[in-house]
C-alpha atoms as a PDB file:
ATOM      1  CA  MET A   1       0.041   0.181   0.026  1.00  0.00           C
ATOM      2  CA  GLY A   2       1.415   3.455  -1.048  1.00  0.00           C
ATOM      3  CA  LYS A   3       1.943   6.427   1.068  1.00  0.00           C
ATOM      4  CA  ILE A   4      -0.815   8.975   1.506  1.00  0.00           C
ATOM      5  CA  ASN A   5      -0.169  12.329  -0.112  1.00  0.00           C
ATOM      6  CA  PHE A   6      -1.624  14.602   2.505  1.00  0.00           C
ATOM      7  CA  LYS A   7      -0.455  17.653   0.564  1.00  0.00           C
ATOM      8  CA  ARG A   8      -2.413  16.582  -2.283  1.00  0.00           C
ATOM      9  CA  ILE A   9      -5.503  16.078  -0.104  1.00  0.00           C
ATOM     10  CA  LEU A  10      -5.327  19.373   1.516  1.00  0.00           C
ATOM     11  CA  LYS A  11      -4.871  21.073  -1.810  1.00  0.00           C
ATOM     12  CA  PHE A  12      -7.942  19.333  -3.040  1.00  0.00           C
ATOM     13  CA  LEU A  13     -10.026  20.467   0.018  1.00  0.00           C
ATOM     14  CA  GLY A  14      -8.614  23.913  -0.219  1.00  0.00           C
ATOM     15  CA  TRP A  15      -9.832  24.349  -3.898  1.00  0.00           C
ATOM     16  CA  TRP A  16     -12.994  22.312  -3.235  1.00  0.00           C
ATOM     17  CA  TYR A  17     -13.849  25.032  -0.306  1.00  0.00           C
ATOM     18  CA  ILE A  18     -13.002  27.898  -2.710  1.00  0.00           C
ATOM     19  CA  PHE A  19     -14.887  26.667  -5.677  1.00  0.00           C
ATOM     20  CA  SER A  20     -18.009  25.599  -3.501  1.00  0.00           C
ATOM     21  CA  SER A  21     -18.138  28.941  -1.685  1.00  0.00           C
ATOM     22  CA  PHE A  22     -17.822  30.975  -4.691  1.00  0.00           C
ATOM     23  CA  TYR A  23     -20.610  28.791  -6.596  1.00  0.00           C
ATOM     24  CA  ALA A  24     -23.023  29.152  -3.417  1.00  0.00           C
ATOM     25  CA  MET A  25     -22.244  32.753  -2.850  1.00  0.00           C
ATOM     26  CA  PHE A  26     -23.374  33.811  -6.338  1.00  0.00           C
ATOM     27  CA  SER A  27     -25.996  31.270  -7.295  1.00  0.00           C
ATOM     28  CA  VAL A  28     -29.560  30.257  -6.480  1.00  0.00           C
ATOM     29  CA  CYS A  29     -30.821  26.543  -6.179  1.00  0.00           C
ATOM     30  CA  PRO A  30     -30.978  25.094  -9.503  1.00  0.00           C
ATOM     31  CA  PHE A  31     -34.309  23.183  -8.511  1.00  0.00           C
ATOM     32  CA  CYS A  32     -36.445  25.879  -6.713  1.00  0.00           C
ATOM     33  CA  GLY A  33     -34.850  29.125  -7.762  1.00  0.00           C
ATOM     34  CA  LYS A  34     -34.419  30.513  -4.258  1.00  0.00           C
ATOM     35  CA  GLN A  35     -31.236  31.546  -2.777  1.00  0.00           C
ATOM     36  CA  GLY A  36     -30.243  29.607   0.626  1.00  0.00           C
ATOM     37  CA  CYS A  37     -32.371  26.762  -0.161  1.00  0.00           C
ATOM     38  CA  PRO A  38     -31.002  23.456   1.517  1.00  0.00           C
ATOM     39  CA  VAL A  39     -30.359  21.829  -1.875  1.00  0.00           C
ATOM     40  CA  CYS A  40     -27.978  24.769  -2.904  1.00  0.00           C
ATOM     41  CA  PRO A  41     -25.107  23.692  -0.548  1.00  0.00           C
ATOM     42  CA  ALA A  42     -25.303  20.124  -1.984  1.00  0.00           C
ATOM     43  CA  SER A  43     -25.170  21.164  -5.430  1.00  0.00           C
ATOM     44  CA  ALA A  44     -22.325  23.780  -4.636  1.00  0.00           C
ATOM     45  CA  GLY A  45     -20.385  20.965  -3.209  1.00  0.00           C
ATOM     46  CA  LEU A  46     -20.776  18.622  -6.129  1.00  0.00           C
ATOM     47  CA  VAL A  47     -19.872  21.445  -8.658  1.00  0.00           C
ATOM     48  CA  GLY A  48     -16.926  22.360  -6.472  1.00  0.00           C
ATOM     49  CA  GLY A  49     -15.742  19.020  -6.248  1.00  0.00           C
ATOM     50  CA  PHE A  50     -15.985  18.597 -10.021  1.00  0.00           C
ATOM     51  CA  PHE A  51     -14.031  21.734 -10.838  1.00  0.00           C
ATOM     52  CA  THR A  52     -11.471  20.784  -8.256  1.00  0.00           C
ATOM     53  CA  PHE A  53     -11.031  17.393 -10.002  1.00  0.00           C
ATOM     54  CA  LEU A  54     -10.531  19.052 -13.284  1.00  0.00           C
ATOM     55  CA  MET A  55      -8.218  21.574 -12.071  1.00  0.00           C
ATOM     56  CA  GLN A  56      -5.903  18.982 -10.159  1.00  0.00           C
ATOM     57  CA  ASN A  57      -6.146  16.233 -12.999  1.00  0.00           C
ATOM     58  CA  LEU A  58      -6.625  18.286 -16.236  1.00  0.00           C
ATOM     59  CA  LYS A  59      -2.954  19.067 -16.856  1.00  0.00           C
ATOM     60  CA  ASN A  60      -2.197  15.298 -16.841  1.00  0.00           C
ATOM     61  CA  PHE A  61      -4.891  14.544 -19.090  1.00  0.00           C
ATOM     62  CA  VAL A  62      -4.069  17.190 -21.670  1.00  0.00           C
ATOM     63  CA  GLU A  63      -0.423  16.071 -21.672  1.00  0.00           C
ATOM     64  CA  LYS A  64      -1.531  12.398 -22.240  1.00  0.00           C
ATOM     65  CA  LEU A  65      -3.770  13.595 -25.073  1.00  0.00           C
ATOM     66  CA  LYS A  66      -0.719  15.646 -26.622  1.00  0.00           C
ATOM     67  CA  ILE A  67       1.429  12.645 -26.510  1.00  0.00           C
ATOM     68  CA  GLY A  68      -1.247  10.443 -28.118  1.00  0.00           C
ATOM     69  CA  PHE A  69      -1.844  13.041 -30.922  1.00  0.00           C
ATOM     70  CA  ILE A  70       1.923  13.266 -31.487  1.00  0.00           C
ATOM     71  CA  ASN A  71       2.223   9.483 -31.613  1.00  0.00           C
ATOM     72  CA  VAL A  72      -0.530   9.256 -34.078  1.00  0.00           C
ATOM     73  CA  LYS A  73       0.812  12.102 -36.123  1.00  0.00           C
ATOM     74  CA  THR A  74       4.188  10.633 -36.505  1.00  0.00           C
ATOM     75  CA  LYS A  75       2.678   7.272 -37.451  1.00  0.00           C
ATOM     76  CA  ILE A  76       0.672   8.757 -40.158  1.00  0.00           C
ATOM     77  CA  PHE A  77       3.424  11.075 -41.531  1.00  0.00           C
ATOM     78  CA  LYS A  78       6.021   8.416 -41.233  1.00  0.00           C
ATOM     79  CA  ASN A  79       4.370   6.191 -44.028  1.00  0.00           C
ATOM     80  CA  VAL A  80       3.964   9.212 -46.319  1.00  0.00           C
ATOM     81  CA  LYS A  81       6.798   9.998 -48.666  1.00  0.00           C
END
């Protein structure tokens, strides 16, 4: 079993808090349209978690896509003369 990376967990929780707070502060409930609805913090938590996940993992995903496209490109143009 690997070591737990507490720095990454704390970074995730910090960004999650920031995104969730920002979303909750400037939004209304997506279901009833009222601000301060009990559903709003739940949706803010989900949206905040989603954006935090993207923020932490999107860079690696984009790098893997670039490598994949470069490999495909080299294979295509390698056969063209």
